[in-house]
């Protein structure tokens, strides 16, 4: 198994993607971060959330979905960040790579996996979650889950959608996506509006709320086998926020 904290290179098809993997002692769940819309593994917002998750005992994998050359192209065309199918395939490839780092024959336990997606990365996370039973929970921060289209009706991983109160256009898109998550029970899906927040959650205290809500969601659903998250636990998560 990999060391508890290190820089990694993830081979996916013909590309090699860079990332950072950190696993606290005793951590069983690992959250894979899925960046979107021109962001990458160095996003200060996602790195802050990752730190909060690790403090809660969860491992984190932050990696770049695009190579350096692809980043240059995307800065000019803005096309790759909206290629949800490609981003989802790379996420699934990174998930397979992550699980391969654990040697069951040598006594390793396979970790439970969650996805934290931001912006267009949230759509990629939901598409990937619809395609694999490995993902046990999804959190979207200011995401575009609507871009996951018909895959939303196939998602079985408990999903938390977090949107800023002043990000009005994205609120509507998240509400539409929430309504399509029809395989999830009411205690397995939640749309939470963060008061005073805009799209990037730059307002004082708003990103901290995102991190705490995400930590609670993942701790609830990654610390037990699939289907074992209780309605009581889920209701407690985000109990001080607004659900649409």
C-alpha atoms as a PDB file:
ATOM      1  CA  UNK A   1       0.000   0.000   0.000  1.00  0.00           C
ATOM      2  CA  UNK A   2       1.116   3.589  -0.544  1.00  0.00           C
ATOM      3  CA  UNK A   3       2.522   5.621   2.305  1.00  0.00           C
ATOM      4  CA  UNK A   4       0.036   7.687   4.297  1.00  0.00           C
ATOM      5  CA  UNK A   5       0.896  10.934   2.467  1.00  0.00           C
ATOM      6  CA  UNK A   6       2.643  11.332  -0.861  1.00  0.00           C
ATOM      7  CA  UNK A   7       2.553  12.783  -4.344  1.00  0.00           C
ATOM      8  CA  UNK A   8       1.364  10.239  -6.891  1.00  0.00           C
ATOM      9  CA  UNK A   9       1.258   9.739 -10.639  1.00  0.00           C
ATOM     10  CA  UNK A  10      -1.875   8.055 -11.918  1.00  0.00           C
ATOM     11  CA  UNK A  11      -1.709   6.249 -15.293  1.00  0.00           C
ATOM     12  CA  UNK A  12      -5.013   6.345 -17.148  1.00  0.00           C
ATOM     13  CA  UNK A  13      -4.863   5.091 -20.699  1.00  0.00           C
ATOM     14  CA  UNK A  14      -2.189   7.049 -22.542  1.00  0.00           C
ATOM     15  CA  UNK A  15      -2.014   9.901 -20.003  1.00  0.00           C
ATOM     16  CA  UNK A  16      -0.316  10.294 -16.637  1.00  0.00           C
ATOM     17  CA  UNK A  17      -2.103  12.489 -14.111  1.00  0.00           C
ATOM     18  CA  UNK A  18      -0.584  14.084 -11.006  1.00  0.00           C
ATOM     19  CA  UNK A  19      -2.131  14.017  -7.565  1.00  0.00           C
ATOM     20  CA  UNK A  20      -1.733  14.018  -3.799  1.00  0.00           C
ATOM     21  CA  UNK A  21      -2.912  11.090  -1.678  1.00  0.00           C
ATOM     22  CA  UNK A  22      -3.139  11.417   2.106  1.00  0.00           C
ATOM     23  CA  UNK A  23      -4.556   8.756   4.389  1.00  0.00           C
ATOM     24  CA  UNK A  24      -4.726   9.398   8.145  1.00  0.00           C
ATOM     25  CA  UNK A  25      -3.808   6.552  10.487  1.00  0.00           C
ATOM     26  CA  UNK A  26      -6.798   4.269  10.805  1.00  0.00           C
ATOM     27  CA  UNK A  27      -8.678   5.968   7.985  1.00  0.00           C
ATOM     28  CA  UNK A  28     -10.997   3.576   6.119  1.00  0.00           C
ATOM     29  CA  UNK A  29     -12.817   5.904   3.763  1.00  0.00           C
ATOM     30  CA  UNK A  30     -11.117   7.908   0.998  1.00  0.00           C
ATOM     31  CA  UNK A  31     -12.692  10.909  -0.727  1.00  0.00           C
ATOM     32  CA  UNK A  32     -11.621  11.543  -4.321  1.00  0.00           C
ATOM     33  CA  UNK A  33     -11.845  15.216  -5.341  1.00  0.00           C
ATOM     34  CA  UNK A  34     -13.154  15.996  -8.814  1.00  0.00           C
ATOM     35  CA  UNK A  35     -12.235  19.502  -9.933  1.00  0.00           C
ATOM     36  CA  UNK A  36     -14.040  21.381 -12.640  1.00  0.00           C
ATOM     37  CA  UNK A  37     -14.197  24.523 -14.746  1.00  0.00           C
ATOM     38  CA  UNK A  38     -10.542  25.456 -15.000  1.00  0.00           C
ATOM     39  CA  UNK A  39      -9.584  24.300 -11.507  1.00  0.00           C
ATOM     40  CA  UNK A  40      -7.095  21.617 -10.455  1.00  0.00           C
ATOM     41  CA  UNK A  41      -5.608  19.728  -7.553  1.00  0.00           C
ATOM     42  CA  UNK A  42      -4.100  22.953  -6.150  1.00  0.00           C
ATOM     43  CA  UNK A  43      -7.518  24.594  -5.690  1.00  0.00           C
ATOM     44  CA  UNK A  44      -7.292  26.318  -2.276  1.00  0.00           C
ATOM     45  CA  UNK A  45     -10.994  25.740  -1.649  1.00  0.00           C
ATOM     46  CA  UNK A  46     -10.838  21.999  -2.231  1.00  0.00           C
ATOM     47  CA  UNK A  47      -7.550  21.682  -0.350  1.00  0.00           C
ATOM     48  CA  UNK A  48      -9.180  23.360   2.638  1.00  0.00           C
ATOM     49  CA  UNK A  49     -12.129  20.951   2.501  1.00  0.00           C
ATOM     50  CA  UNK A  50      -9.699  18.036   2.140  1.00  0.00           C
ATOM     51  CA  UNK A  51      -7.883  19.114   5.322  1.00  0.00           C
ATOM     52  CA  UNK A  52     -11.162  19.152   7.253  1.00  0.00           C
ATOM     53  CA  UNK A  53     -12.006  15.664   5.964  1.00  0.00           C
ATOM     54  CA  UNK A  54      -8.602  14.333   7.023  1.00  0.00           C
ATOM     55  CA  UNK A  55      -9.077  15.863  10.473  1.00  0.00           C
ATOM     56  CA  UNK A  56     -12.276  13.769  10.624  1.00  0.00           C
ATOM     57  CA  UNK A  57     -10.277  10.631   9.843  1.00  0.00           C
ATOM     58  CA  UNK A  58     -10.971  10.370   6.108  1.00  0.00           C
ATOM     59  CA  UNK A  59      -8.332   9.935   3.427  1.00  0.00           C
ATOM     60  CA  UNK A  60      -8.234  12.261   0.421  1.00  0.00           C
ATOM     61  CA  UNK A  61      -7.030  12.025  -3.170  1.00  0.00           C
ATOM     62  CA  UNK A  62      -6.733  15.312  -5.052  1.00  0.00           C
ATOM     63  CA  UNK A  63      -5.599  14.891  -8.649  1.00  0.00           C
ATOM     64  CA  UNK A  64      -5.579  16.827 -11.902  1.00  0.00           C
ATOM     65  CA  UNK A  65      -8.160  15.622 -14.391  1.00  0.00           C
ATOM     66  CA  UNK A  66      -6.207  17.185 -17.270  1.00  0.00           C
ATOM     67  CA  UNK A  67      -2.550  17.009 -18.265  1.00  0.00           C
ATOM     68  CA  UNK A  68      -0.494  20.200 -18.467  1.00  0.00           C
ATOM     69  CA  UNK A  69      -0.855  20.273 -22.269  1.00  0.00           C
ATOM     70  CA  UNK A  70      -4.610  19.762 -21.998  1.00  0.00           C
ATOM     71  CA  UNK A  71      -4.806  22.570 -19.442  1.00  0.00           C
ATOM     72  CA  UNK A  72      -3.249  24.945 -21.978  1.00  0.00           C
ATOM     73  CA  UNK A  73      -5.776  23.907 -24.618  1.00  0.00           C
ATOM     74  CA  UNK A  74      -8.674  24.174 -22.193  1.00  0.00           C
ATOM     75  CA  UNK A  75      -7.681  27.686 -21.126  1.00  0.00           C
ATOM     76  CA  UNK A  76      -8.115  28.715 -24.752  1.00  0.00           C
ATOM     77  CA  UNK A  77     -11.155  26.677 -25.760  1.00  0.00           C
ATOM     78  CA  UNK A  78     -12.901  25.906 -22.443  1.00  0.00           C
ATOM     79  CA  UNK A  79     -14.098  22.668 -24.057  1.00  0.00           C
ATOM     80  CA  UNK A  80     -12.407  19.936 -22.023  1.00  0.00           C
ATOM     81  CA  UNK A  81     -13.848  21.119 -18.716  1.00  0.00           C
ATOM     82  CA  UNK A  82     -17.307  20.457 -20.171  1.00  0.00           C
ATOM     83  CA  UNK A  83     -16.434  17.044 -21.612  1.00  0.00           C
ATOM     84  CA  UNK A  84     -18.243  15.283 -18.781  1.00  0.00           C
ATOM     85  CA  UNK A  85     -17.883  11.831 -20.330  1.00  0.00           C
ATOM     86  CA  UNK A  86     -14.100  12.146 -20.543  1.00  0.00           C
ATOM     87  CA  UNK A  87     -13.811  13.558 -17.021  1.00  0.00           C
ATOM     88  CA  UNK A  88     -15.952  10.711 -15.650  1.00  0.00           C
ATOM     89  CA  UNK A  89     -13.813   8.101 -17.429  1.00  0.00           C
ATOM     90  CA  UNK A  90     -10.688   9.575 -15.878  1.00  0.00           C
ATOM     91  CA  UNK A  91     -12.311   9.608 -12.461  1.00  0.00           C
ATOM     92  CA  UNK A  92     -13.210   5.939 -12.828  1.00  0.00           C
ATOM     93  CA  UNK A  93      -9.648   5.220 -13.942  1.00  0.00           C
ATOM     94  CA  UNK A  94      -8.279   7.025 -10.890  1.00  0.00           C
ATOM     95  CA  UNK A  95     -10.683   5.068  -8.675  1.00  0.00           C
ATOM     96  CA  UNK A  96      -9.469   1.764 -10.125  1.00  0.00           C
ATOM     97  CA  UNK A  97      -5.863   2.864  -9.638  1.00  0.00           C
ATOM     98  CA  UNK A  98      -6.563   3.840  -6.030  1.00  0.00           C
ATOM     99  CA  UNK A  99      -8.084   0.472  -5.165  1.00  0.00           C
ATOM    100  CA  UNK A 100      -5.154  -1.316  -6.801  1.00  0.00           C
ATOM    101  CA  UNK A 101      -2.831   0.274  -4.230  1.00  0.00           C
ATOM    102  CA  UNK A 102      -4.355  -1.913  -1.510  1.00  0.00           C
ATOM    103  CA  UNK A 103      -3.144  -5.512  -1.352  1.00  0.00           C
ATOM    104  CA  UNK A 104      -5.962  -7.610   0.066  1.00  0.00           C
ATOM    105  CA  UNK A 105      -3.753 -10.705   0.007  1.00  0.00           C
ATOM    106  CA  UNK A 106      -1.326  -8.872   2.310  1.00  0.00           C
ATOM    107  CA  UNK A 107      -4.008  -8.009   4.826  1.00  0.00           C
ATOM    108  CA  UNK A 108      -5.120  -4.622   3.490  1.00  0.00           C
ATOM    109  CA  UNK A 109      -8.796  -3.723   3.742  1.00  0.00           C
ATOM    110  CA  UNK A 110     -10.238  -2.026   0.683  1.00  0.00           C
ATOM    111  CA  UNK A 111     -11.346   1.507   1.579  1.00  0.00           C
ATOM    112  CA  UNK A 112     -14.819   2.827   0.964  1.00  0.00           C
ATOM    113  CA  UNK A 113     -14.759   5.534  -1.715  1.00  0.00           C
ATOM    114  CA  UNK A 114     -16.581   8.856  -1.900  1.00  0.00           C
ATOM    115  CA  UNK A 115     -16.531  11.625  -4.528  1.00  0.00           C
ATOM    116  CA  UNK A 116     -16.400  15.370  -3.834  1.00  0.00           C
ATOM    117  CA  UNK A 117     -17.160  17.302  -7.019  1.00  0.00           C
ATOM    118  CA  UNK A 118     -17.059  21.039  -7.709  1.00  0.00           C
ATOM    119  CA  UNK A 119     -18.611  22.870 -10.668  1.00  0.00           C
ATOM    120  CA  UNK A 120     -18.509  20.630 -13.774  1.00  0.00           C
ATOM    121  CA  UNK A 121     -16.556  18.089 -11.726  1.00  0.00           C
ATOM    122  CA  UNK A 122     -19.761  17.390  -9.791  1.00  0.00           C
ATOM    123  CA  UNK A 123     -21.392  16.151 -12.996  1.00  0.00           C
ATOM    124  CA  UNK A 124     -18.413  13.892 -13.678  1.00  0.00           C
ATOM    125  CA  UNK A 125     -18.641  12.551 -10.115  1.00  0.00           C
ATOM    126  CA  UNK A 126     -22.317  11.703 -10.531  1.00  0.00           C
ATOM    127  CA  UNK A 127     -21.797  10.052 -13.922  1.00  0.00           C
ATOM    128  CA  UNK A 128     -18.988   7.951 -12.447  1.00  0.00           C
ATOM    129  CA  UNK A 129     -21.104   7.094  -9.412  1.00  0.00           C
ATOM    130  CA  UNK A 130     -23.873   5.914 -11.733  1.00  0.00           C
ATOM    131  CA  UNK A 131     -21.417   3.629 -13.521  1.00  0.00           C
ATOM    132  CA  UNK A 132     -19.816   1.963 -10.496  1.00  0.00           C
ATOM    133  CA  UNK A 133     -20.995   0.541  -7.189  1.00  0.00           C
ATOM    134  CA  UNK A 134     -17.627   1.464  -5.671  1.00  0.00           C
ATOM    135  CA  UNK A 135     -18.701   5.041  -4.905  1.00  0.00           C
ATOM    136  CA  UNK A 136     -20.631   5.054  -1.622  1.00  0.00           C
ATOM    137  CA  UNK A 137     -21.313   8.797  -1.293  1.00  0.00           C
ATOM    138  CA  UNK A 138     -21.167  11.984  -3.365  1.00  0.00           C
ATOM    139  CA  UNK A 139     -20.964  15.642  -2.330  1.00  0.00           C
ATOM    140  CA  UNK A 140     -21.324  18.481  -4.846  1.00  0.00           C
ATOM    141  CA  UNK A 141     -20.043  22.005  -4.050  1.00  0.00           C
ATOM    142  CA  UNK A 142     -21.503  24.714  -6.279  1.00  0.00           C
ATOM    143  CA  UNK A 143     -21.855  21.975  -8.849  1.00  0.00           C
ATOM    144  CA  UNK A 144     -23.501  21.486 -12.210  1.00  0.00           C
ATOM    145  CA  UNK A 145     -25.159  18.109 -11.550  1.00  0.00           C
ATOM    146  CA  UNK A 146     -27.607  18.880 -14.345  1.00  0.00           C
ATOM    147  CA  UNK A 147     -24.791  18.113 -16.793  1.00  0.00           C
ATOM    148  CA  UNK A 148     -24.929  14.481 -15.650  1.00  0.00           C
ATOM    149  CA  UNK A 149     -28.187  14.335 -17.615  1.00  0.00           C
ATOM    150  CA  UNK A 150     -29.849  10.901 -17.747  1.00  0.00           C
ATOM    151  CA  UNK A 151     -27.233   9.350 -15.439  1.00  0.00           C
ATOM    152  CA  UNK A 152     -28.895  11.040 -12.474  1.00  0.00           C
ATOM    153  CA  UNK A 153     -31.704   8.487 -12.529  1.00  0.00           C
ATOM    154  CA  UNK A 154     -29.102   5.707 -12.112  1.00  0.00           C
ATOM    155  CA  UNK A 155     -27.222   7.123  -9.103  1.00  0.00           C
ATOM    156  CA  UNK A 156     -27.449   4.929  -5.992  1.00  0.00           C
ATOM    157  CA  UNK A 157     -24.738   6.629  -3.898  1.00  0.00           C
ATOM    158  CA  UNK A 158     -26.164   8.986  -1.232  1.00  0.00           C
ATOM    159  CA  UNK A 159     -25.770  12.504  -2.627  1.00  0.00           C
ATOM    160  CA  UNK A 160     -25.465  15.901  -0.927  1.00  0.00           C
ATOM    161  CA  UNK A 161     -25.836  19.000  -3.128  1.00  0.00           C
ATOM    162  CA  UNK A 162     -24.425  22.219  -1.621  1.00  0.00           C
ATOM    163  CA  UNK A 163     -25.246  25.557  -3.270  1.00  0.00           C
ATOM    164  CA  UNK A 164     -24.776  29.180  -2.270  1.00  0.00           C
ATOM    165  CA  UNK A 165     -27.883  31.207  -1.481  1.00  0.00           C
ATOM    166  CA  UNK A 166     -26.825  33.920  -3.915  1.00  0.00           C
ATOM    167  CA  UNK A 167     -25.935  31.476  -6.712  1.00  0.00           C
ATOM    168  CA  UNK A 168     -29.508  31.638  -7.973  1.00  0.00           C
ATOM    169  CA  UNK A 169     -29.076  30.127 -11.437  1.00  0.00           C
ATOM    170  CA  UNK A 170     -27.201  27.134 -10.048  1.00  0.00           C
ATOM    171  CA  UNK A 171     -29.826  26.620  -7.312  1.00  0.00           C
ATOM    172  CA  UNK A 172     -32.421  25.944  -9.993  1.00  0.00           C
ATOM    173  CA  UNK A 173     -30.164  23.527 -11.839  1.00  0.00           C
ATOM    174  CA  UNK A 174     -29.451  21.662  -8.611  1.00  0.00           C
ATOM    175  CA  UNK A 175     -33.146  21.458  -7.776  1.00  0.00           C
ATOM    176  CA  UNK A 176     -33.816  19.860 -11.160  1.00  0.00           C
ATOM    177  CA  UNK A 177     -30.988  17.388 -10.588  1.00  0.00           C
ATOM    178  CA  UNK A 178     -32.204  16.608  -7.065  1.00  0.00           C
ATOM    179  CA  UNK A 179     -35.629  15.709  -8.425  1.00  0.00           C
ATOM    180  CA  UNK A 180     -34.055  13.211 -10.844  1.00  0.00           C
ATOM    181  CA  UNK A 181     -32.215  11.296  -8.129  1.00  0.00           C
ATOM    182  CA  UNK A 182     -35.197   8.994  -7.880  1.00  0.00           C
ATOM    183  CA  UNK A 183     -33.323   5.836  -6.836  1.00  0.00           C
ATOM    184  CA  UNK A 184     -32.343   7.527  -3.572  1.00  0.00           C
ATOM    185  CA  UNK A 185     -34.527   7.611  -0.477  1.00  0.00           C
ATOM    186  CA  UNK A 186     -35.230  10.946   1.175  1.00  0.00           C
ATOM    187  CA  UNK A 187     -32.514  10.290   3.783  1.00  0.00           C
ATOM    188  CA  UNK A 188     -29.979   9.544   1.019  1.00  0.00           C
ATOM    189  CA  UNK A 189     -30.235  12.810  -0.894  1.00  0.00           C
ATOM    190  CA  UNK A 190     -30.212  16.423   0.242  1.00  0.00           C
ATOM    191  CA  UNK A 191     -30.078  19.858  -1.362  1.00  0.00           C
ATOM    192  CA  UNK A 192     -28.677  22.356   1.111  1.00  0.00           C
ATOM    193  CA  UNK A 193     -28.527  26.101   0.561  1.00  0.00           C
ATOM    194  CA  UNK A 194     -25.615  27.863   2.300  1.00  0.00           C
ATOM    195  CA  UNK A 195     -26.813  31.306   3.517  1.00  0.00           C
ATOM    196  CA  UNK A 196     -25.084  34.395   2.040  1.00  0.00           C
ATOM    197  CA  UNK A 197     -22.796  32.305  -0.168  1.00  0.00           C
ATOM    198  CA  UNK A 198     -22.045  32.962  -3.828  1.00  0.00           C
ATOM    199  CA  UNK A 199     -20.730  30.418  -6.349  1.00  0.00           C
ATOM    200  CA  UNK A 200     -17.176  30.177  -4.987  1.00  0.00           C
ATOM    201  CA  UNK A 201     -18.146  30.341  -1.292  1.00  0.00           C
ATOM    202  CA  UNK A 202     -15.754  33.226  -0.699  1.00  0.00           C
ATOM    203  CA  UNK A 203     -17.907  34.854   1.995  1.00  0.00           C
ATOM    204  CA  UNK A 204     -16.733  34.548   5.598  1.00  0.00           C
ATOM    205  CA  UNK A 205     -17.674  31.222   7.151  1.00  0.00           C
ATOM    206  CA  UNK A 206     -19.374  29.763   4.085  1.00  0.00           C
ATOM    207  CA  UNK A 207     -16.591  27.418   2.973  1.00  0.00           C
ATOM    208  CA  UNK A 208     -16.281  26.247   6.565  1.00  0.00           C
ATOM    209  CA  UNK A 209     -19.958  25.255   6.434  1.00  0.00           C
ATOM    210  CA  UNK A 210     -19.351  23.343   3.199  1.00  0.00           C
ATOM    211  CA  UNK A 211     -16.437  21.470   4.775  1.00  0.00           C
ATOM    212  CA  UNK A 212     -18.360  20.544   7.920  1.00  0.00           C
ATOM    213  CA  UNK A 213     -21.427  19.381   5.993  1.00  0.00           C
ATOM    214  CA  UNK A 214     -19.290  17.338   3.607  1.00  0.00           C
ATOM    215  CA  UNK A 215     -17.394  15.821   6.525  1.00  0.00           C
ATOM    216  CA  UNK A 216     -20.626  14.798   8.210  1.00  0.00           C
ATOM    217  CA  UNK A 217     -22.038  13.290   5.014  1.00  0.00           C
ATOM    218  CA  UNK A 218     -18.968  11.247   4.201  1.00  0.00           C
ATOM    219  CA  UNK A 219     -18.480  10.148   7.807  1.00  0.00           C
ATOM    220  CA  UNK A 220     -22.067   8.924   7.835  1.00  0.00           C
ATOM    221  CA  UNK A 221     -21.961   6.936   4.611  1.00  0.00           C
ATOM    222  CA  UNK A 222     -18.318   5.855   4.306  1.00  0.00           C
ATOM    223  CA  UNK A 223     -17.889   4.535   7.848  1.00  0.00           C
ATOM    224  CA  UNK A 224     -20.395   1.730   7.349  1.00  0.00           C
ATOM    225  CA  UNK A 225     -21.370  -0.697   4.583  1.00  0.00           C
ATOM    226  CA  UNK A 226     -23.593   0.577   1.774  1.00  0.00           C
ATOM    227  CA  UNK A 227     -27.202   0.983   2.851  1.00  0.00           C
ATOM    228  CA  UNK A 228     -26.316   1.198   6.552  1.00  0.00           C
ATOM    229  CA  UNK A 229     -26.551   4.994   6.821  1.00  0.00           C
ATOM    230  CA  UNK A 230     -29.533   5.796   9.006  1.00  0.00           C
ATOM    231  CA  UNK A 231     -32.208   8.359   8.414  1.00  0.00           C
ATOM    232  CA  UNK A 232     -31.436   9.759  11.874  1.00  0.00           C
ATOM    233  CA  UNK A 233     -27.791  10.331  10.942  1.00  0.00           C
ATOM    234  CA  UNK A 234     -28.685  11.928   7.619  1.00  0.00           C
ATOM    235  CA  UNK A 235     -31.297  14.186   9.158  1.00  0.00           C
ATOM    236  CA  UNK A 236     -28.710  15.431  11.620  1.00  0.00           C
ATOM    237  CA  UNK A 237     -26.328  16.368   8.791  1.00  0.00           C
ATOM    238  CA  UNK A 238     -27.202  19.869   7.665  1.00  0.00           C
ATOM    239  CA  UNK A 239     -29.973  20.214  10.242  1.00  0.00           C
ATOM    240  CA  UNK A 240     -29.142  23.908  10.578  1.00  0.00           C
ATOM    241  CA  UNK A 241     -29.365  24.569   6.841  1.00  0.00           C
ATOM    242  CA  UNK A 242     -32.128  24.758   4.290  1.00  0.00           C
ATOM    243  CA  UNK A 243     -33.237  21.809   2.202  1.00  0.00           C
ATOM    244  CA  UNK A 244     -35.119  22.482  -1.024  1.00  0.00           C
END
